[in-house]
């Protein structure tokens, strides 16, 4: 990856790496987003791209640290809104996202508020936790999405200290299990240590 110009911003404890695509277009693959988001590299909760928009001040695209695209993020939008308002000496800005149009304002205390619209209380329109399929020691299992490898091992009541854990043919560092999110079609092998005498 060549040197890329980006901004790092923090909004209420979430941190973001922001690429400004309005003048120079930057494209990152899913693997590159994952690498940039990794806390052993730069690290962030989300990667955000600022693009041009005909009818609004900018179009925003958001990617979680697992490389998956999401519709919008309130804290990330506030960070970009602050950046754009400071850049253009404005008190208001209009941002387009895949979730809709967001209106942001900068108040007298230099804080950004953003209107993210009305909450949706219709249960059939609210995204629920997805289920994913994994294989554990050759047997299929259905689990909820976004479960860490650590929480899965605890859930099935395996004593972590007494096993070796392999994920997709790679032996896992037990200190990192809580940071690893299981994905659809992951293959886990759990090998128990047996004491000899």
N, C-alpha and C. Protein backbone atom coordinates (compact mmCIF):
# COMPACT_ATOMS: atom_id res chain seq x y z
N UNK A 1 0.85 -1.18 0.00
CA UNK A 1 0.00 0.00 0.00
C UNK A 1 0.89 1.24 0.00
N UNK A 2 0.67 2.16 -0.93
CA UNK A 2 1.43 3.40 -0.98
C UNK A 2 1.02 4.30 0.18
N UNK A 3 1.78 5.40 0.35
CA UNK A 3 1.40 6.38 1.38
C UNK A 3 0.07 7.01 1.00
N UNK A 4 -0.84 7.05 1.95
CA UNK A 4 -2.16 7.63 1.74
C UNK A 4 -2.37 8.75 2.73
N UNK A 5 -2.99 9.83 2.28
CA UNK A 5 -3.31 10.92 3.20
C UNK A 5 -4.68 10.66 3.81
N UNK A 6 -4.73 10.69 5.13
CA UNK A 6 -5.99 10.43 5.83
C UNK A 6 -6.02 11.27 7.10
N UNK A 7 -7.18 11.34 7.70
CA UNK A 7 -7.37 12.05 8.96
C UNK A 7 -7.84 11.04 10.00
N UNK A 8 -7.40 11.21 11.23
CA UNK A 8 -7.89 10.35 12.31
C UNK A 8 -8.66 11.24 13.27
N UNK A 9 -9.90 10.86 13.54
CA UNK A 9 -10.76 11.66 14.42
C UNK A 9 -11.43 10.75 15.43
N UNK A 10 -11.86 11.35 16.54
CA UNK A 10 -12.50 10.63 17.63
C UNK A 10 -13.83 11.31 17.93
N UNK A 11 -14.88 10.50 18.09
CA UNK A 11 -16.19 11.03 18.45
C UNK A 11 -16.81 10.20 19.56
N UNK A 12 -16.83 10.72 20.76
CA UNK A 12 -17.42 10.05 21.92
C UNK A 12 -16.89 8.64 22.12
N UNK A 13 -15.57 8.48 21.98
CA UNK A 13 -14.94 7.20 22.25
C UNK A 13 -14.78 6.30 21.04
N UNK A 14 -15.43 6.63 19.93
CA UNK A 14 -15.22 5.89 18.68
C UNK A 14 -14.18 6.63 17.86
N UNK A 15 -13.26 5.89 17.25
CA UNK A 15 -12.27 6.57 16.42
C UNK A 15 -12.40 6.13 14.97
N UNK A 16 -12.04 7.05 14.09
CA UNK A 16 -12.28 6.89 12.66
C UNK A 16 -11.06 7.32 11.87
N UNK A 17 -10.80 6.61 10.78
CA UNK A 17 -9.82 7.05 9.79
C UNK A 17 -10.63 7.51 8.59
N UNK A 18 -10.37 8.75 8.19
CA UNK A 18 -11.21 9.41 7.18
C UNK A 18 -10.36 9.74 5.96
N UNK A 19 -10.83 9.29 4.79
CA UNK A 19 -10.18 9.58 3.52
C UNK A 19 -11.05 10.57 2.76
N UNK A 20 -10.44 11.64 2.26
CA UNK A 20 -11.16 12.67 1.51
C UNK A 20 -11.04 12.36 0.02
N UNK A 21 -12.10 11.82 -0.56
CA UNK A 21 -12.11 11.45 -1.98
C UNK A 21 -12.64 12.56 -2.88
N UNK A 22 -12.81 13.76 -2.36
CA UNK A 22 -13.41 14.82 -3.18
C UNK A 22 -12.45 15.31 -4.25
N UNK A 23 -11.15 15.29 -3.98
CA UNK A 23 -10.18 15.76 -4.97
C UNK A 23 -9.39 14.62 -5.58
N UNK A 24 -9.00 13.67 -4.76
CA UNK A 24 -8.20 12.53 -5.24
C UNK A 24 -8.88 11.25 -4.78
N UNK A 25 -9.25 10.42 -5.74
CA UNK A 25 -10.00 9.21 -5.41
C UNK A 25 -9.07 8.13 -4.85
N UNK A 26 -9.48 7.57 -3.72
CA UNK A 26 -8.75 6.49 -3.07
C UNK A 26 -9.69 5.30 -2.98
N UNK A 27 -9.22 4.14 -3.43
CA UNK A 27 -10.01 2.92 -3.31
C UNK A 27 -9.23 1.94 -2.46
N UNK A 28 -9.88 1.36 -1.47
CA UNK A 28 -9.26 0.35 -0.62
C UNK A 28 -10.05 -0.94 -0.72
N UNK A 29 -9.34 -2.05 -0.78
CA UNK A 29 -10.01 -3.35 -0.76
C UNK A 29 -10.47 -3.66 0.66
N UNK A 30 -11.30 -4.67 0.78
CA UNK A 30 -11.75 -5.10 2.12
C UNK A 30 -10.55 -5.47 2.98
N UNK A 31 -9.59 -6.19 2.42
CA UNK A 31 -8.40 -6.59 3.19
C UNK A 31 -7.58 -5.38 3.64
N UNK A 32 -7.49 -4.35 2.79
CA UNK A 32 -6.76 -3.14 3.17
C UNK A 32 -7.47 -2.39 4.29
N UNK A 33 -8.81 -2.35 4.24
CA UNK A 33 -9.58 -1.71 5.31
C UNK A 33 -9.36 -2.45 6.62
N UNK A 34 -9.39 -3.78 6.56
CA UNK A 34 -9.16 -4.59 7.77
C UNK A 34 -7.76 -4.30 8.33
N UNK A 35 -6.77 -4.23 7.44
CA UNK A 35 -5.38 -4.00 7.87
C UNK A 35 -5.23 -2.62 8.52
N UNK A 36 -5.79 -1.60 7.91
CA UNK A 36 -5.71 -0.24 8.46
C UNK A 36 -6.43 -0.17 9.81
N UNK A 37 -7.57 -0.86 9.92
CA UNK A 37 -8.38 -0.81 11.14
C UNK A 37 -7.76 -1.59 12.30
N UNK A 38 -6.87 -2.51 11.99
CA UNK A 38 -6.24 -3.35 13.01
C UNK A 38 -5.47 -2.48 14.00
N UNK A 39 -5.70 -2.71 15.28
CA UNK A 39 -5.05 -1.91 16.34
C UNK A 39 -3.54 -2.14 16.39
N UNK A 40 -3.04 -3.20 15.74
CA UNK A 40 -1.59 -3.39 15.66
C UNK A 40 -0.97 -2.51 14.58
N UNK A 41 -1.79 -1.94 13.72
CA UNK A 41 -1.33 -0.97 12.72
C UNK A 41 -1.79 0.41 13.19
N UNK A 42 -2.59 1.08 12.40
CA UNK A 42 -3.11 2.40 12.82
C UNK A 42 -4.25 2.20 13.80
N UNK A 43 -5.24 1.42 13.38
CA UNK A 43 -6.35 1.07 14.25
C UNK A 43 -7.47 2.09 14.27
N UNK A 44 -8.71 1.58 14.13
CA UNK A 44 -9.89 2.45 14.23
C UNK A 44 -11.12 1.57 14.32
N UNK A 45 -12.24 2.20 14.68
CA UNK A 45 -13.53 1.50 14.69
C UNK A 45 -14.11 1.42 13.28
N UNK A 46 -13.92 2.51 12.51
CA UNK A 46 -14.48 2.55 11.16
C UNK A 46 -13.59 3.38 10.24
N UNK A 47 -13.67 3.05 8.96
CA UNK A 47 -13.03 3.84 7.90
C UNK A 47 -14.15 4.56 7.16
N UNK A 48 -13.94 5.86 6.93
CA UNK A 48 -14.97 6.68 6.28
C UNK A 48 -14.37 7.34 5.04
N UNK A 49 -15.13 7.33 3.94
CA UNK A 49 -14.72 8.02 2.72
C UNK A 49 -15.65 9.21 2.50
N UNK A 50 -15.06 10.39 2.27
CA UNK A 50 -15.84 11.59 1.93
C UNK A 50 -15.82 11.73 0.42
N UNK A 51 -17.01 11.75 -0.20
CA UNK A 51 -17.09 11.92 -1.65
C UNK A 51 -17.89 13.15 -2.03
N UNK A 52 -17.84 13.49 -3.31
CA UNK A 52 -18.61 14.62 -3.84
C UNK A 52 -20.09 14.25 -3.90
N UNK A 53 -20.96 15.25 -3.81
CA UNK A 53 -22.38 15.05 -3.99
C UNK A 53 -22.96 16.30 -4.64
N UNK A 54 -23.82 16.11 -5.64
CA UNK A 54 -24.39 17.27 -6.37
C UNK A 54 -25.28 18.13 -5.50
N UNK A 55 -26.08 17.50 -4.62
CA UNK A 55 -27.11 18.24 -3.90
C UNK A 55 -26.80 18.49 -2.42
N UNK A 56 -25.70 17.90 -1.94
CA UNK A 56 -25.35 18.04 -0.53
C UNK A 56 -23.86 18.34 -0.41
N UNK A 57 -23.42 18.65 0.79
CA UNK A 57 -22.01 19.04 0.96
C UNK A 57 -21.06 17.88 0.76
N UNK A 58 -21.52 16.65 0.98
CA UNK A 58 -20.67 15.48 0.77
C UNK A 58 -21.51 14.21 0.80
N UNK A 59 -20.95 13.16 0.22
CA UNK A 59 -21.52 11.82 0.31
C UNK A 59 -20.55 10.97 1.12
N UNK A 60 -21.05 10.28 2.15
CA UNK A 60 -20.19 9.51 3.04
C UNK A 60 -20.42 8.01 2.87
N UNK A 61 -19.31 7.27 2.85
CA UNK A 61 -19.36 5.80 2.86
C UNK A 61 -18.62 5.32 4.10
N UNK A 62 -19.20 4.34 4.78
CA UNK A 62 -18.67 3.85 6.05
C UNK A 62 -18.33 2.36 5.96
N UNK A 63 -17.20 1.99 6.56
CA UNK A 63 -16.80 0.59 6.61
C UNK A 63 -16.37 0.25 8.03
N UNK A 64 -16.93 -0.84 8.57
CA UNK A 64 -16.51 -1.32 9.88
C UNK A 64 -15.11 -1.91 9.79
N UNK A 65 -14.52 -2.18 10.94
CA UNK A 65 -13.15 -2.69 10.99
C UNK A 65 -13.02 -4.08 10.39
N UNK A 66 -14.14 -4.78 10.17
CA UNK A 66 -14.09 -6.09 9.50
C UNK A 66 -14.18 -5.94 7.99
N UNK A 67 -14.18 -4.70 7.49
CA UNK A 67 -14.23 -4.43 6.05
C UNK A 67 -15.62 -4.37 5.47
N UNK A 68 -16.65 -4.64 6.28
CA UNK A 68 -18.03 -4.61 5.79
C UNK A 68 -18.58 -3.20 5.74
N UNK A 69 -19.29 -2.89 4.66
CA UNK A 69 -19.89 -1.55 4.51
C UNK A 69 -21.16 -1.46 5.33
N UNK A 70 -21.37 -0.30 5.95
CA UNK A 70 -22.60 -0.03 6.70
C UNK A 70 -23.24 1.24 6.14
N UNK A 71 -24.49 1.49 6.52
CA UNK A 71 -25.24 2.61 5.96
C UNK A 71 -24.78 3.97 6.47
N UNK A 72 -24.54 4.06 7.77
CA UNK A 72 -24.15 5.34 8.38
C UNK A 72 -23.67 5.10 9.80
N UNK A 73 -23.10 6.13 10.39
CA UNK A 73 -22.67 6.09 11.79
C UNK A 73 -22.82 7.50 12.34
N UNK A 74 -23.54 7.63 13.44
CA UNK A 74 -23.77 8.96 14.02
C UNK A 74 -22.49 9.66 14.44
N UNK A 75 -21.63 8.98 15.22
CA UNK A 75 -20.39 9.61 15.68
C UNK A 75 -19.44 9.89 14.52
N UNK A 76 -19.35 8.97 13.57
CA UNK A 76 -18.50 9.20 12.40
C UNK A 76 -19.00 10.36 11.56
N UNK A 77 -20.32 10.46 11.40
CA UNK A 77 -20.91 11.57 10.65
C UNK A 77 -20.63 12.90 11.34
N UNK A 78 -20.69 12.91 12.67
CA UNK A 78 -20.40 14.14 13.42
C UNK A 78 -18.95 14.57 13.20
N UNK A 79 -18.03 13.61 13.18
CA UNK A 79 -16.62 13.94 12.95
C UNK A 79 -16.42 14.56 11.57
N UNK A 80 -17.01 13.92 10.55
CA UNK A 80 -16.88 14.46 9.19
C UNK A 80 -17.55 15.82 9.08
N UNK A 81 -18.72 15.97 9.70
CA UNK A 81 -19.43 17.26 9.68
C UNK A 81 -18.55 18.36 10.28
N UNK A 82 -17.91 18.05 11.41
CA UNK A 82 -17.00 19.03 12.04
C UNK A 82 -15.87 19.40 11.08
N UNK A 83 -15.26 18.41 10.47
CA UNK A 83 -14.17 18.61 9.53
C UNK A 83 -14.61 19.53 8.39
N UNK A 84 -15.78 19.24 7.79
CA UNK A 84 -16.27 20.03 6.66
C UNK A 84 -16.67 21.45 7.06
N UNK A 85 -17.31 21.59 8.22
CA UNK A 85 -17.73 22.93 8.66
C UNK A 85 -16.51 23.80 8.97
N UNK A 86 -15.49 23.22 9.60
CA UNK A 86 -14.26 23.98 9.88
C UNK A 86 -13.55 24.35 8.58
N UNK A 87 -13.52 23.41 7.65
CA UNK A 87 -12.85 23.64 6.36
C UNK A 87 -13.50 24.80 5.60
N UNK A 88 -14.84 24.89 5.67
CA UNK A 88 -15.57 25.89 4.89
C UNK A 88 -16.12 27.04 5.72
N UNK A 89 -15.75 27.08 7.01
CA UNK A 89 -16.20 28.14 7.92
C UNK A 89 -17.74 28.25 7.94
N UNK A 90 -18.39 27.09 8.13
CA UNK A 90 -19.84 27.02 8.16
C UNK A 90 -20.33 26.63 9.54
N UNK A 91 -21.60 26.87 9.80
CA UNK A 91 -22.25 26.43 11.04
C UNK A 91 -23.21 25.27 10.80
N UNK A 92 -23.49 24.97 9.51
CA UNK A 92 -24.39 23.88 9.17
C UNK A 92 -23.84 23.15 7.95
N UNK A 93 -24.15 21.86 7.87
CA UNK A 93 -23.76 21.08 6.70
C UNK A 93 -24.78 19.97 6.47
N UNK A 94 -24.89 19.54 5.23
CA UNK A 94 -25.82 18.50 4.83
C UNK A 94 -25.02 17.35 4.23
N UNK A 95 -25.21 16.15 4.77
CA UNK A 95 -24.44 14.99 4.35
C UNK A 95 -25.37 13.91 3.83
N UNK A 96 -25.00 13.30 2.70
CA UNK A 96 -25.77 12.17 2.19
C UNK A 96 -25.06 10.88 2.56
N UNK A 97 -25.82 9.92 3.06
CA UNK A 97 -25.30 8.59 3.39
C UNK A 97 -26.24 7.56 2.78
N UNK A 98 -25.87 6.31 2.85
CA UNK A 98 -26.78 5.26 2.36
C UNK A 98 -27.99 5.08 3.26
N UNK A 99 -27.97 5.72 4.44
CA UNK A 99 -29.13 5.67 5.34
C UNK A 99 -30.05 6.87 5.14
N UNK A 100 -29.61 7.86 4.34
CA UNK A 100 -30.42 9.05 4.12
C UNK A 100 -29.59 10.32 4.28
N UNK A 101 -30.28 11.44 4.33
CA UNK A 101 -29.64 12.75 4.44
C UNK A 101 -29.52 13.11 5.92
N UNK A 102 -28.33 13.52 6.33
CA UNK A 102 -28.09 13.94 7.72
C UNK A 102 -27.77 15.43 7.74
N UNK A 103 -28.46 16.15 8.63
CA UNK A 103 -28.22 17.59 8.80
C UNK A 103 -27.43 17.79 10.08
N UNK A 104 -26.31 18.51 9.98
CA UNK A 104 -25.46 18.72 11.14
C UNK A 104 -25.30 20.21 11.41
N UNK A 105 -25.11 20.54 12.69
CA UNK A 105 -24.94 21.93 13.12
C UNK A 105 -23.79 22.02 14.11
N UNK A 106 -23.04 23.12 14.03
CA UNK A 106 -21.96 23.40 14.98
C UNK A 106 -22.47 24.47 15.93
N UNK A 107 -22.47 24.16 17.24
CA UNK A 107 -23.01 25.14 18.20
C UNK A 107 -21.92 26.06 18.74
N UNK A 108 -22.31 26.96 19.63
CA UNK A 108 -21.38 27.96 20.17
C UNK A 108 -20.27 27.34 21.01
N UNK A 109 -20.45 26.13 21.49
CA UNK A 109 -19.43 25.45 22.29
C UNK A 109 -18.52 24.57 21.43
N UNK A 110 -18.64 24.73 20.09
CA UNK A 110 -17.82 24.00 19.14
C UNK A 110 -18.15 22.50 19.13
N UNK A 111 -19.41 22.18 19.47
CA UNK A 111 -19.87 20.80 19.46
C UNK A 111 -20.83 20.59 18.29
N UNK A 112 -20.79 19.39 17.73
CA UNK A 112 -21.63 19.09 16.56
C UNK A 112 -22.84 18.27 16.99
N UNK A 113 -24.01 18.73 16.57
CA UNK A 113 -25.21 17.90 16.73
C UNK A 113 -25.65 17.49 15.34
N UNK A 114 -26.25 16.31 15.25
CA UNK A 114 -26.66 15.80 13.95
C UNK A 114 -28.05 15.19 14.05
N UNK A 115 -28.87 15.49 13.07
CA UNK A 115 -30.21 14.93 13.03
C UNK A 115 -30.14 13.65 12.22
N UNK A 116 -30.28 12.52 12.90
CA UNK A 116 -30.20 11.23 12.21
C UNK A 116 -31.58 10.66 11.89
N UNK A 117 -32.60 11.49 12.07
CA UNK A 117 -33.96 11.08 11.70
C UNK A 117 -34.72 10.44 12.85
N UNK A 118 -35.93 10.03 12.54
CA UNK A 118 -36.81 9.43 13.54
C UNK A 118 -36.42 7.96 13.77
N UNK A 119 -36.50 7.50 15.02
CA UNK A 119 -36.24 6.08 15.27
C UNK A 119 -37.34 5.22 14.65
N UNK A 120 -36.97 4.02 14.28
CA UNK A 120 -37.92 3.09 13.68
C UNK A 120 -38.34 2.07 14.73
N UNK A 121 -39.63 2.01 15.04
CA UNK A 121 -40.14 1.08 16.04
C UNK A 121 -40.94 -0.07 15.42
N UNK A 122 -40.96 -0.16 14.09
CA UNK A 122 -41.66 -1.26 13.43
C UNK A 122 -40.73 -2.46 13.42
N UNK A 123 -41.06 -3.49 14.20
CA UNK A 123 -40.14 -4.61 14.43
C UNK A 123 -39.68 -5.28 13.14
N UNK A 124 -40.55 -5.35 12.13
CA UNK A 124 -40.17 -6.05 10.90
C UNK A 124 -39.24 -5.23 10.02
N UNK A 125 -38.99 -3.97 10.39
CA UNK A 125 -38.06 -3.13 9.63
C UNK A 125 -36.76 -2.88 10.38
N UNK A 126 -36.64 -3.48 11.56
CA UNK A 126 -35.43 -3.31 12.37
C UNK A 126 -34.51 -4.49 12.09
N UNK A 127 -33.25 -4.21 11.68
CA UNK A 127 -32.34 -5.34 11.44
C UNK A 127 -32.05 -6.08 12.73
N UNK A 128 -32.24 -7.39 12.69
CA UNK A 128 -31.99 -8.22 13.86
C UNK A 128 -30.64 -8.92 13.70
N UNK A 129 -30.19 -9.52 14.79
CA UNK A 129 -28.92 -10.24 14.76
C UNK A 129 -29.02 -11.38 13.77
N UNK A 130 -28.04 -11.45 12.89
CA UNK A 130 -28.00 -12.52 11.91
C UNK A 130 -27.42 -13.78 12.54
N UNK A 131 -27.72 -14.89 11.93
CA UNK A 131 -27.13 -16.16 12.32
C UNK A 131 -26.10 -16.54 11.27
N UNK A 132 -25.03 -17.17 11.72
CA UNK A 132 -24.02 -17.66 10.79
C UNK A 132 -23.77 -19.14 11.05
N UNK A 133 -23.20 -19.80 10.05
CA UNK A 133 -22.91 -21.23 10.15
C UNK A 133 -21.40 -21.41 10.26
N UNK A 134 -20.97 -22.17 11.26
CA UNK A 134 -19.56 -22.49 11.41
C UNK A 134 -19.43 -24.00 11.55
N UNK A 135 -18.19 -24.49 11.44
CA UNK A 135 -17.92 -25.91 11.69
C UNK A 135 -16.95 -26.00 12.85
N UNK A 136 -17.28 -26.85 13.81
CA UNK A 136 -16.43 -27.06 14.98
C UNK A 136 -16.07 -28.53 15.03
N UNK A 137 -14.78 -28.82 14.88
CA UNK A 137 -14.30 -30.21 14.83
C UNK A 137 -15.13 -31.04 13.84
N UNK A 138 -15.43 -30.42 12.68
CA UNK A 138 -16.13 -31.12 11.61
C UNK A 138 -17.64 -31.10 11.70
N UNK A 139 -18.22 -30.63 12.80
CA UNK A 139 -19.67 -30.60 12.96
C UNK A 139 -20.21 -29.18 12.76
N UNK A 140 -21.29 -29.06 12.00
CA UNK A 140 -21.88 -27.75 11.73
C UNK A 140 -22.59 -27.22 12.97
N UNK A 141 -22.52 -25.91 13.12
CA UNK A 141 -23.19 -25.25 14.24
C UNK A 141 -23.68 -23.89 13.76
N UNK A 142 -24.86 -23.49 14.21
CA UNK A 142 -25.43 -22.17 13.89
C UNK A 142 -25.28 -21.30 15.13
N UNK A 143 -24.66 -20.12 14.95
CA UNK A 143 -24.45 -19.19 16.07
C UNK A 143 -24.86 -17.80 15.64
N UNK A 144 -24.97 -16.89 16.61
CA UNK A 144 -25.30 -15.51 16.25
C UNK A 144 -24.06 -14.84 15.67
N UNK A 145 -24.30 -13.93 14.74
CA UNK A 145 -23.23 -13.18 14.09
C UNK A 145 -22.55 -12.26 15.11
N UNK A 146 -21.31 -11.91 14.83
CA UNK A 146 -20.54 -10.94 15.62
C UNK A 146 -20.11 -11.50 16.99
N UNK A 147 -20.08 -12.83 17.11
CA UNK A 147 -19.64 -13.46 18.35
C UNK A 147 -18.13 -13.64 18.27
N UNK A 148 -17.44 -13.28 19.35
CA UNK A 148 -15.98 -13.45 19.35
C UNK A 148 -15.65 -14.93 19.56
N UNK A 149 -14.47 -15.30 19.11
CA UNK A 149 -14.02 -16.68 19.30
C UNK A 149 -13.93 -17.00 20.79
N UNK A 150 -13.48 -16.04 21.59
CA UNK A 150 -13.39 -16.22 23.05
C UNK A 150 -14.77 -16.52 23.64
N UNK A 151 -15.77 -15.71 23.28
CA UNK A 151 -17.13 -15.91 23.83
C UNK A 151 -17.74 -17.22 23.36
N UNK A 152 -17.42 -17.63 22.14
CA UNK A 152 -17.94 -18.90 21.66
C UNK A 152 -17.34 -20.06 22.47
N UNK A 153 -16.03 -20.04 22.69
CA UNK A 153 -15.37 -21.10 23.45
C UNK A 153 -15.93 -21.14 24.88
N UNK A 154 -16.14 -19.97 25.49
CA UNK A 154 -16.74 -19.92 26.84
C UNK A 154 -18.17 -20.47 26.82
N UNK A 155 -18.91 -20.13 25.76
CA UNK A 155 -20.31 -20.55 25.66
C UNK A 155 -20.44 -22.07 25.60
N UNK A 156 -19.51 -22.72 24.91
CA UNK A 156 -19.59 -24.18 24.82
C UNK A 156 -18.83 -24.86 25.97
N UNK A 157 -18.43 -24.04 26.93
CA UNK A 157 -17.84 -24.52 28.20
C UNK A 157 -16.58 -25.36 28.01
N UNK A 158 -15.71 -24.84 27.17
CA UNK A 158 -14.41 -25.47 26.98
C UNK A 158 -13.40 -24.69 27.81
N UNK A 159 -12.62 -25.36 28.68
CA UNK A 159 -11.59 -24.64 29.45
C UNK A 159 -10.45 -24.21 28.53
N UNK A 160 -10.35 -22.92 28.27
CA UNK A 160 -9.41 -22.38 27.29
C UNK A 160 -7.97 -22.79 27.58
N UNK A 161 -7.60 -22.86 28.85
CA UNK A 161 -6.21 -23.19 29.21
C UNK A 161 -5.83 -24.61 28.83
N UNK A 162 -6.82 -25.48 28.62
CA UNK A 162 -6.53 -26.90 28.39
C UNK A 162 -6.69 -27.32 26.93
N UNK A 163 -6.77 -26.34 26.00
CA UNK A 163 -6.96 -26.68 24.59
C UNK A 163 -6.07 -25.81 23.70
N UNK A 164 -5.87 -26.32 22.50
CA UNK A 164 -5.28 -25.51 21.42
C UNK A 164 -6.44 -25.23 20.45
N UNK A 165 -6.49 -24.02 19.93
CA UNK A 165 -7.61 -23.62 19.08
C UNK A 165 -7.06 -23.20 17.72
N UNK A 166 -7.65 -23.80 16.68
CA UNK A 166 -7.26 -23.49 15.32
C UNK A 166 -8.48 -22.90 14.61
N UNK A 167 -8.29 -21.79 13.92
CA UNK A 167 -9.37 -21.16 13.15
C UNK A 167 -8.93 -21.09 11.70
N UNK A 168 -9.67 -21.77 10.84
CA UNK A 168 -9.35 -21.79 9.40
C UNK A 168 -7.88 -22.15 9.16
N UNK A 169 -7.46 -23.22 9.87
CA UNK A 169 -6.12 -23.81 9.73
C UNK A 169 -4.99 -22.95 10.29
N UNK A 170 -5.34 -21.98 11.11
CA UNK A 170 -4.31 -21.14 11.75
C UNK A 170 -4.48 -21.25 13.27
N UNK A 171 -3.37 -21.61 13.95
CA UNK A 171 -3.43 -21.73 15.41
C UNK A 171 -3.57 -20.33 16.00
N UNK A 172 -4.51 -20.19 16.92
CA UNK A 172 -4.84 -18.89 17.49
C UNK A 172 -4.04 -18.59 18.76
N UNK A 173 -3.62 -17.33 18.88
CA UNK A 173 -3.01 -16.83 20.11
C UNK A 173 -4.15 -16.62 21.11
N UNK A 174 -4.09 -17.30 22.24
CA UNK A 174 -5.20 -17.23 23.21
C UNK A 174 -5.41 -15.83 23.77
N UNK A 175 -4.39 -14.99 23.72
CA UNK A 175 -4.53 -13.61 24.21
C UNK A 175 -5.35 -12.75 23.26
N UNK A 176 -5.57 -13.24 22.04
CA UNK A 176 -6.30 -12.44 21.05
C UNK A 176 -7.70 -12.96 20.75
N UNK A 177 -8.13 -14.01 21.44
CA UNK A 177 -9.41 -14.64 21.12
C UNK A 177 -10.60 -13.69 21.19
N UNK A 178 -10.56 -12.75 22.13
CA UNK A 178 -11.70 -11.83 22.28
C UNK A 178 -11.77 -10.81 21.14
N UNK A 179 -10.67 -10.63 20.41
CA UNK A 179 -10.65 -9.66 19.32
C UNK A 179 -11.07 -10.29 17.98
N UNK A 180 -11.15 -11.61 17.94
CA UNK A 180 -11.45 -12.31 16.70
C UNK A 180 -12.95 -12.58 16.61
N UNK A 181 -13.61 -11.98 15.62
CA UNK A 181 -15.04 -12.19 15.40
C UNK A 181 -15.23 -13.35 14.43
N UNK A 182 -16.09 -14.27 14.80
CA UNK A 182 -16.37 -15.40 13.93
C UNK A 182 -17.21 -14.97 12.74
N UNK A 183 -16.92 -15.58 11.58
CA UNK A 183 -17.62 -15.25 10.35
C UNK A 183 -18.26 -16.49 9.77
N UNK A 184 -19.20 -16.29 8.86
CA UNK A 184 -19.88 -17.40 8.22
C UNK A 184 -18.86 -18.35 7.57
N UNK A 185 -19.08 -19.64 7.75
CA UNK A 185 -18.25 -20.70 7.19
C UNK A 185 -16.87 -20.83 7.82
N UNK A 186 -16.62 -20.19 8.96
CA UNK A 186 -15.36 -20.41 9.67
C UNK A 186 -15.28 -21.87 10.10
N UNK A 187 -14.04 -22.38 10.13
CA UNK A 187 -13.80 -23.75 10.58
C UNK A 187 -12.91 -23.72 11.81
N UNK A 188 -13.42 -24.25 12.92
CA UNK A 188 -12.70 -24.25 14.19
C UNK A 188 -12.32 -25.69 14.53
N UNK A 189 -11.09 -25.87 14.94
CA UNK A 189 -10.65 -27.16 15.48
C UNK A 189 -10.19 -26.91 16.91
N UNK A 190 -10.72 -27.69 17.83
CA UNK A 190 -10.35 -27.57 19.23
C UNK A 190 -9.69 -28.88 19.65
N UNK A 191 -8.43 -28.79 20.08
CA UNK A 191 -7.67 -29.98 20.45
C UNK A 191 -7.40 -29.91 21.94
N UNK A 192 -7.81 -30.94 22.67
CA UNK A 192 -7.61 -31.01 24.11
C UNK A 192 -6.22 -31.58 24.42
N UNK A 193 -5.56 -30.97 25.40
CA UNK A 193 -4.26 -31.50 25.87
C UNK A 193 -4.53 -32.68 26.77
N UNK A 194 -3.72 -33.72 26.61
CA UNK A 194 -3.85 -34.90 27.47
C UNK A 194 -2.54 -35.05 28.22
N UNK A 195 -2.64 -35.10 29.55
CA UNK A 195 -1.45 -35.25 30.38
C UNK A 195 -0.92 -36.67 30.32
N UNK A 196 0.38 -36.80 30.33
CA UNK A 196 1.00 -38.13 30.32
C UNK A 196 1.63 -38.42 31.67
N UNK A 197 2.01 -39.66 31.90
CA UNK A 197 2.57 -39.99 33.20
C UNK A 197 3.69 -40.95 33.15
